[in-house]
N, C-alpha and C. Protein backbone atom coordinates (compact mmCIF):
# COMPACT_ATOMS: atom_id res chain seq x y z
N MET A 1 0.85 -1.17 0.00
CA MET A 1 0.00 0.00 0.03
C MET A 1 0.90 1.23 0.01
N THR A 2 0.58 2.20 -0.88
CA THR A 2 1.39 3.43 -1.00
C THR A 2 0.85 4.47 -0.01
N PRO A 3 1.75 5.15 0.77
CA PRO A 3 1.31 6.22 1.68
C PRO A 3 0.64 7.33 0.92
N ALA A 4 -0.35 7.94 1.49
CA ALA A 4 -1.13 9.01 0.82
C ALA A 4 -0.42 10.35 0.97
N THR A 5 -0.71 11.23 0.07
CA THR A 5 -0.26 12.62 0.13
C THR A 5 -1.17 13.37 1.12
N VAL A 6 -0.61 14.17 2.00
CA VAL A 6 -1.39 14.96 2.93
C VAL A 6 -1.41 16.42 2.44
N THR A 7 -2.57 17.00 2.38
CA THR A 7 -2.69 18.39 1.97
C THR A 7 -3.24 19.24 3.11
N LEU A 8 -2.53 20.33 3.41
CA LEU A 8 -2.95 21.25 4.45
C LEU A 8 -3.27 22.61 3.81
N ARG A 9 -4.41 23.17 4.19
CA ARG A 9 -4.80 24.47 3.62
C ARG A 9 -5.05 25.44 4.76
N ALA A 10 -4.66 26.71 4.57
CA ALA A 10 -4.87 27.72 5.58
C ALA A 10 -5.00 29.09 4.91
N ALA A 11 -5.61 30.02 5.63
CA ALA A 11 -5.72 31.38 5.14
C ALA A 11 -4.81 32.27 5.98
N SER A 12 -3.92 33.02 5.32
CA SER A 12 -3.08 33.99 6.00
C SER A 12 -3.76 35.35 5.88
N ARG A 13 -4.42 35.73 6.93
CA ARG A 13 -5.26 36.93 6.92
C ARG A 13 -4.47 38.23 6.82
N ALA A 14 -4.97 39.18 6.09
CA ALA A 14 -4.31 40.47 5.89
C ALA A 14 -4.71 41.43 7.02
N LYS A 15 -3.86 42.43 7.21
CA LYS A 15 -4.12 43.48 8.23
C LYS A 15 -3.53 44.76 7.73
N ILE A 16 -3.99 45.84 8.28
CA ILE A 16 -3.47 47.15 7.97
C ILE A 16 -2.84 47.71 9.26
N ASN A 17 -1.60 48.20 9.16
CA ASN A 17 -0.96 48.88 10.26
C ASN A 17 -1.50 50.29 10.38
N LEU A 18 -2.23 50.57 11.45
CA LEU A 18 -2.73 51.93 11.65
C LEU A 18 -1.61 52.88 12.09
N PHE A 19 -0.65 52.32 12.83
CA PHE A 19 0.61 53.02 13.06
C PHE A 19 1.67 52.01 13.43
N LEU A 20 2.90 52.38 13.26
CA LEU A 20 4.04 51.52 13.57
C LEU A 20 5.18 52.46 14.03
N HIS A 21 5.53 52.34 15.30
CA HIS A 21 6.61 53.16 15.86
C HIS A 21 7.77 52.27 16.29
N LEU A 22 8.96 52.65 15.90
CA LEU A 22 10.18 51.98 16.41
C LEU A 22 10.50 52.64 17.73
N THR A 23 10.54 51.84 18.79
CA THR A 23 10.72 52.43 20.12
C THR A 23 12.11 52.12 20.70
N GLY A 24 12.94 51.41 19.97
CA GLY A 24 14.24 51.10 20.47
C GLY A 24 14.83 49.93 19.70
N GLN A 25 15.95 49.47 20.14
CA GLN A 25 16.64 48.36 19.49
C GLN A 25 17.15 47.41 20.58
N ARG A 26 16.96 46.11 20.35
CA ARG A 26 17.43 45.10 21.29
C ARG A 26 18.90 44.86 21.10
N PRO A 27 19.55 44.23 22.03
CA PRO A 27 20.99 43.95 21.89
C PRO A 27 21.28 43.03 20.70
N ASP A 28 20.32 42.20 20.28
CA ASP A 28 20.55 41.30 19.14
C ASP A 28 20.31 41.97 17.78
N GLY A 29 20.01 43.28 17.77
CA GLY A 29 19.85 44.03 16.53
C GLY A 29 18.39 44.19 16.08
N TYR A 30 17.45 43.36 16.59
CA TYR A 30 16.08 43.53 16.24
C TYR A 30 15.51 44.78 16.90
N HIS A 31 14.49 45.37 16.26
CA HIS A 31 13.89 46.59 16.75
C HIS A 31 12.74 46.28 17.68
N LEU A 32 12.53 47.16 18.66
CA LEU A 32 11.32 47.13 19.49
C LEU A 32 10.29 48.00 18.76
N VAL A 33 9.07 47.47 18.64
CA VAL A 33 8.02 48.20 17.89
C VAL A 33 6.76 48.32 18.74
N GLN A 34 6.03 49.37 18.43
CA GLN A 34 4.69 49.59 18.96
C GLN A 34 3.83 49.72 17.77
N SER A 35 2.71 48.97 17.72
CA SER A 35 1.90 48.93 16.50
C SER A 35 0.44 48.73 16.87
N LEU A 36 -0.44 49.25 16.05
CA LEU A 36 -1.87 48.96 16.14
C LEU A 36 -2.32 48.43 14.80
N LEU A 37 -2.88 47.19 14.78
CA LEU A 37 -3.26 46.52 13.54
C LEU A 37 -4.78 46.42 13.46
N CYS A 38 -5.25 46.50 12.25
CA CYS A 38 -6.70 46.36 11.99
C CYS A 38 -6.86 45.19 10.96
N PRO A 39 -7.49 44.09 11.35
CA PRO A 39 -7.69 43.01 10.39
C PRO A 39 -8.68 43.41 9.28
N ILE A 40 -8.46 42.90 8.09
CA ILE A 40 -9.37 43.14 6.98
C ILE A 40 -9.76 41.82 6.33
N GLY A 41 -10.67 41.84 5.42
CA GLY A 41 -11.25 40.60 4.86
C GLY A 41 -10.44 39.91 3.78
N LEU A 42 -9.26 40.44 3.44
CA LEU A 42 -8.43 39.81 2.42
C LEU A 42 -7.49 38.76 3.05
N PHE A 43 -7.05 37.82 2.26
CA PHE A 43 -6.12 36.81 2.76
C PHE A 43 -5.37 36.14 1.60
N ASP A 44 -4.25 35.59 1.91
CA ASP A 44 -3.53 34.70 0.99
C ASP A 44 -3.93 33.29 1.31
N ALA A 45 -4.19 32.46 0.30
CA ALA A 45 -4.47 31.06 0.52
C ALA A 45 -3.14 30.30 0.48
N ILE A 46 -2.90 29.52 1.50
CA ILE A 46 -1.68 28.75 1.61
C ILE A 46 -2.05 27.29 1.56
N GLU A 47 -1.36 26.54 0.68
CA GLU A 47 -1.57 25.10 0.59
C GLU A 47 -0.23 24.38 0.66
N ILE A 48 -0.15 23.43 1.55
CA ILE A 48 1.08 22.66 1.76
C ILE A 48 0.74 21.18 1.51
N ARG A 49 1.48 20.55 0.58
CA ARG A 49 1.30 19.15 0.32
C ARG A 49 2.53 18.38 0.74
N LEU A 50 2.29 17.38 1.55
CA LEU A 50 3.39 16.50 2.01
C LEU A 50 3.23 15.15 1.32
N SER A 51 4.21 14.83 0.48
CA SER A 51 4.16 13.58 -0.27
C SER A 51 5.32 12.68 0.16
N PRO A 52 5.06 11.38 0.26
CA PRO A 52 6.12 10.46 0.64
C PRO A 52 7.14 10.32 -0.51
N LEU A 53 8.40 10.13 -0.12
CA LEU A 53 9.48 9.88 -1.07
C LEU A 53 9.91 8.43 -0.96
N PRO A 54 10.42 7.87 -2.02
CA PRO A 54 10.99 6.54 -1.87
C PRO A 54 12.15 6.58 -0.87
N ALA A 55 12.38 5.49 -0.16
CA ALA A 55 13.41 5.42 0.86
C ALA A 55 14.78 5.80 0.35
N SER A 56 15.05 5.53 -0.93
CA SER A 56 16.36 5.81 -1.50
C SER A 56 16.50 7.26 -1.95
N ALA A 57 15.44 8.02 -1.98
CA ALA A 57 15.50 9.42 -2.49
C ALA A 57 15.95 10.36 -1.37
N PRO A 58 16.76 11.35 -1.72
CA PRO A 58 17.09 12.38 -0.72
C PRO A 58 15.94 13.25 -0.43
N ALA A 59 15.89 13.83 0.77
CA ALA A 59 14.81 14.75 1.12
C ALA A 59 14.80 15.92 0.15
N ALA A 60 13.64 16.42 -0.20
CA ALA A 60 13.55 17.48 -1.18
C ALA A 60 12.37 18.43 -0.83
N ILE A 61 12.54 19.69 -1.14
CA ILE A 61 11.49 20.67 -1.01
C ILE A 61 11.23 21.28 -2.39
N HIS A 62 9.98 21.23 -2.82
CA HIS A 62 9.60 21.85 -4.09
C HIS A 62 8.59 22.92 -3.77
N ILE A 63 8.88 24.15 -4.16
CA ILE A 63 7.99 25.28 -3.90
C ILE A 63 7.34 25.71 -5.22
N SER A 64 6.04 25.78 -5.18
CA SER A 64 5.28 26.23 -6.38
C SER A 64 4.42 27.42 -5.94
N ARG A 65 4.61 28.56 -6.63
CA ARG A 65 3.86 29.77 -6.32
C ARG A 65 2.95 30.19 -7.44
N SER A 66 1.90 30.92 -7.10
CA SER A 66 1.01 31.47 -8.15
C SER A 66 0.64 32.85 -7.73
N GLY A 67 0.11 33.63 -8.66
CA GLY A 67 -0.35 34.96 -8.36
C GLY A 67 0.63 36.03 -8.84
N ALA A 68 0.41 37.25 -8.37
CA ALA A 68 1.13 38.42 -8.91
C ALA A 68 2.59 38.47 -8.48
N LEU A 69 2.97 37.82 -7.37
CA LEU A 69 4.33 37.98 -6.88
C LEU A 69 5.26 36.90 -7.37
N THR A 70 4.84 36.09 -8.33
CA THR A 70 5.74 35.00 -8.80
C THR A 70 6.96 35.53 -9.56
N ALA A 71 6.90 36.80 -9.96
CA ALA A 71 8.10 37.39 -10.63
C ALA A 71 9.22 37.66 -9.62
N LEU A 72 8.88 37.68 -8.34
CA LEU A 72 9.87 37.92 -7.30
C LEU A 72 10.74 36.68 -7.14
N ALA A 73 12.04 36.85 -7.12
CA ALA A 73 12.99 35.73 -7.01
C ALA A 73 12.76 34.98 -5.72
N GLU A 74 12.83 33.67 -5.76
CA GLU A 74 12.63 32.86 -4.53
C GLU A 74 13.60 33.25 -3.44
N SER A 75 14.80 33.69 -3.79
CA SER A 75 15.80 34.04 -2.80
C SER A 75 15.42 35.29 -1.99
N THR A 76 14.52 36.11 -2.51
CA THR A 76 14.09 37.31 -1.80
C THR A 76 12.63 37.24 -1.34
N ASP A 77 11.91 36.19 -1.70
CA ASP A 77 10.52 35.97 -1.29
C ASP A 77 10.54 35.44 0.16
N LEU A 78 10.00 36.23 1.10
CA LEU A 78 10.03 35.82 2.50
C LEU A 78 9.31 34.52 2.74
N THR A 79 8.27 34.21 1.98
CA THR A 79 7.56 32.96 2.14
C THR A 79 8.45 31.79 1.80
N CYS A 80 9.18 31.87 0.68
CA CYS A 80 10.10 30.77 0.27
C CYS A 80 11.23 30.66 1.27
N ARG A 81 11.71 31.77 1.75
CA ARG A 81 12.81 31.70 2.79
C ARG A 81 12.32 31.04 4.06
N ALA A 82 11.09 31.33 4.48
CA ALA A 82 10.52 30.69 5.67
C ALA A 82 10.34 29.18 5.48
N VAL A 83 9.85 28.79 4.32
CA VAL A 83 9.65 27.35 4.03
C VAL A 83 11.00 26.63 4.13
N ARG A 84 12.01 27.21 3.49
CA ARG A 84 13.32 26.56 3.50
C ARG A 84 13.94 26.53 4.92
N ALA A 85 13.72 27.56 5.71
CA ALA A 85 14.24 27.59 7.08
C ALA A 85 13.50 26.54 7.96
N PHE A 86 12.21 26.35 7.70
CA PHE A 86 11.44 25.39 8.47
C PHE A 86 11.92 23.99 8.17
């Protein structure tokens, strides 16, 4: 019996920053921020498919994007960078 592919779907909800203030900087270089966010009805649809590989195959990540931002290089796309880091 062949293992099944698992598909996960989620909505990444959009928000508007009503204000964003940098209030300082931490010792590790990250900034301290104060912000007020307002959620809105837009979202990005995220779909993740986990497929089994043959035991002899090396682990692999394949990223497929669609929409207006596909012209952005994967190396600068924060979503692709997060997937690879995960």
